[in-house]
Structure formats: structure tokens, C-alpha cells
C-alpha atoms as a PDB file:
ATOM      1  CA  MET A   1     -39.467 -16.934  15.248  1.00  0.00           C
ATOM      2  CA  THR A   2     -37.997 -14.043  13.285  1.00  0.00           C
ATOM      3  CA  ASP A   3     -39.309 -12.463  10.180  1.00  0.00           C
ATOM      4  CA  GLN A   4     -35.624 -11.560   8.948  1.00  0.00           C
ATOM      5  CA  PRO A   5     -34.061 -13.415   6.374  1.00  0.00           C
ATOM      6  CA  GLU A   6     -31.558 -16.024   7.393  1.00  0.00           C
ATOM      7  CA  GLU A   7     -28.032 -16.247   5.705  1.00  0.00           C
ATOM      8  CA  THR A   8     -25.163 -18.433   6.343  1.00  0.00           C
ATOM      9  CA  VAL A   9     -21.865 -16.735   6.445  1.00  0.00           C
ATOM     10  CA  THR A  10     -18.456 -18.588   5.732  1.00  0.00           C
ATOM     11  CA  THR A  11     -15.105 -16.724   6.063  1.00  0.00           C
ATOM     12  CA  LEU A  12     -12.946 -17.477   3.068  1.00  0.00           C
ATOM     13  CA  ALA A  13      -9.933 -15.436   3.896  1.00  0.00           C
ATOM     14  CA  THR A  14      -8.701 -12.544   5.954  1.00  0.00           C
ATOM     15  CA  LEU A  15      -5.755 -10.499   4.445  1.00  0.00           C
ATOM     16  CA  ALA A  16      -3.659  -7.838   6.266  1.00  0.00           C
ATOM     17  CA  ALA A  17      -3.586  -4.762   3.817  1.00  0.00           C
ATOM     18  CA  PRO A  18      -1.426  -1.607   3.691  1.00  0.00           C
ATOM     19  CA  TRP A  19      -2.102   1.178   6.330  1.00  0.00           C
ATOM     20  CA  SER A  20      -3.443  -1.084   8.949  1.00  0.00           C
ATOM     21  CA  ARG A  21      -6.427  -2.391   7.003  1.00  0.00           C
ATOM     22  CA  GLU A  22      -7.835  -5.977   7.151  1.00  0.00           C
ATOM     23  CA  VAL A  23      -9.870  -7.308   4.360  1.00  0.00           C
ATOM     24  CA  THR A  24     -12.116 -10.293   4.988  1.00  0.00           C
ATOM     25  CA  LEU A  25     -13.750 -12.168   2.244  1.00  0.00           C
ATOM     26  CA  GLN A  26     -16.843 -14.151   3.018  1.00  0.00           C
ATOM     27  CA  ALA A  27     -19.402 -16.429   1.247  1.00  0.00           C
ATOM     28  CA  VAL A  28     -22.887 -15.436   2.083  1.00  0.00           C
ATOM     29  CA  GLU A  29     -25.775 -17.812   1.334  1.00  0.00           C
ATOM     30  CA  HIS A  30     -29.296 -16.649   1.901  1.00  0.00           C
ATOM     31  CA  ASP A  31     -32.223 -19.109   2.678  1.00  0.00           C
ATOM     32  CA  SER A  32     -33.599 -17.977  -0.938  1.00  0.00           C
ATOM     33  CA  GLY A  33     -30.645 -19.646  -2.428  1.00  0.00           C
ATOM     34  CA  LEU A  34     -29.012 -16.331  -3.368  1.00  0.00           C
ATOM     35  CA  ARG A  35     -25.218 -16.319  -3.087  1.00  0.00           C
ATOM     36  CA  MET A  36     -23.085 -13.305  -2.535  1.00  0.00           C
ATOM     37  CA  LEU A  37     -19.373 -12.578  -1.875  1.00  0.00           C
ATOM     38  CA  ARG A  38     -19.017 -10.183   1.124  1.00  0.00           C
ATOM     39  CA  VAL A  39     -15.984  -8.132   1.328  1.00  0.00           C
ATOM     40  CA  ARG A  40     -15.328  -6.323   4.585  1.00  0.00           C
ATOM     41  CA  ILE A  41     -12.633  -3.770   4.978  1.00  0.00           C
ATOM     42  CA  LYS A  42     -11.761  -2.748   8.460  1.00  0.00           C
ATOM     43  CA  GLU A  43     -10.031   0.399   9.017  1.00  0.00           C
ATOM     44  CA  GLY A  44      -8.613   1.225  12.493  1.00  0.00           C
ATOM     45  CA  ARG A  45     -10.836  -0.074  15.373  1.00  0.00           C
ATOM     46  CA  ALA A  46     -14.362   0.759  14.386  1.00  0.00           C
ATOM     47  CA  ARG A  47     -14.684   1.812  10.674  1.00  0.00           C
ATOM     48  CA  PHE A  48     -15.877  -0.801   8.270  1.00  0.00           C
ATOM     49  CA  THR A  49     -16.777  -0.928   4.745  1.00  0.00           C
ATOM     50  CA  ILE A  50     -18.990  -3.736   3.619  1.00  0.00           C
ATOM     51  CA  LEU A  51     -19.718  -4.682  -0.014  1.00  0.00           C
ATOM     52  CA  ASP A  52     -21.910  -7.709  -1.001  1.00  0.00           C
ATOM     53  CA  LEU A  53     -21.241  -8.637  -4.554  1.00  0.00           C
ATOM     54  CA  ASP A  54     -23.260 -10.888  -6.867  1.00  0.00           C
ATOM     55  CA  GLU A  55     -21.331 -13.733  -8.770  1.00  0.00           C
ATOM     56  CA  PRO A  56     -21.075 -11.703 -12.132  1.00  0.00           C
ATOM     57  CA  THR A  57     -19.689  -8.819 -10.209  1.00  0.00           C
ATOM     58  CA  ALA A  58     -17.118 -10.929  -8.202  1.00  0.00           C
ATOM     59  CA  THR A  59     -15.917 -12.702 -11.251  1.00  0.00           C
ATOM     60  CA  GLU A  60     -15.398  -9.356 -13.250  1.00  0.00           C
ATOM     61  CA  TRP A  61     -13.704  -7.844 -10.150  1.00  0.00           C
ATOM     62  CA  ALA A  62     -11.432 -10.721  -9.829  1.00  0.00           C
ATOM     63  CA  ARG A  63     -10.589 -10.608 -13.619  1.00  0.00           C
ATOM     64  CA  VAL A  64      -9.534  -6.895 -13.342  1.00  0.00           C
ATOM     65  CA  MET A  65      -7.660  -7.487 -10.207  1.00  0.00           C
ATOM     66  CA  ARG A  66      -5.547 -10.477 -11.506  1.00  0.00           C
ATOM     67  CA  GLU A  67      -4.800  -8.507 -14.810  1.00  0.00           C
ATOM     68  CA  TRP A  68      -3.713  -5.546 -12.668  1.00  0.00           C
ATOM     69  CA  ALA A  69      -1.506  -7.779 -10.441  1.00  0.00           C
ATOM     70  CA  GLU A  70       0.180  -9.533 -13.739  1.00  0.00           C
ATOM     71  CA  LEU A  71       0.846  -6.280 -15.136  1.00  0.00           C
ATOM     72  CA  SER A  72       2.361  -4.931 -11.983  1.00  0.00           C
ATOM     73  CA  GLY A  73       4.766  -7.944 -11.767  1.00  0.00           C
ATOM     74  CA  ALA A  74       7.416  -8.095  -9.270  1.00  0.00           C
ATOM     75  CA  THR A  75       7.939  -4.205  -9.209  1.00  0.00           C
ATOM     76  CA  GLY A  76       4.679  -3.691  -7.215  1.00  0.00           C
ATOM     77  CA  SER A  77       3.755  -0.784  -9.086  1.00  0.00           C
ATOM     78  CA  ALA A  78       0.574   0.007 -10.874  1.00  0.00           C
ATOM     79  CA  PRO A  79       0.426  -0.023 -14.612  1.00  0.00           C
END
């Protein structure tokens, strides 16, 4: 038996990003019922950046990214 909290991780998507990066989005549910969105950014072979976001933060992030993408349009340039 372990004293470590348990979590269930489900991969939602893995995206190829510019400059040989890979972004993985995962749903994380803790035994306590806490739900998080895990963003894992892999750079190269061994470097990772991992962010765990709560639902309000993930919602706001999604809104900002959607607005940016819509403003960028087909040109692919930032506003």
C-alpha cells in the first residue's frame, strides 16, 4: 500500500508543434475528485515542461487561444 495520492491519466491529444516539439494534453483525475488538464511539452529527447491546469484556467486559456487563432486567420500571423 502506498501513501501517494492516486491519479488516473487519460491522453486526449498529442500534437506536433513547430521546432520539433510535441504537445500532449491529458485529463488527470485524482482520487479526491480533483480534475486537472495536464499540458506536457516535449522539447528534443529529454526536456519536458509540464503544466497542470484547473478547469477555470484551462477554460480561460482555451478562450484566449481561440481568439488568437481566429484573428490570425489563414495568414498564420499573430495579431
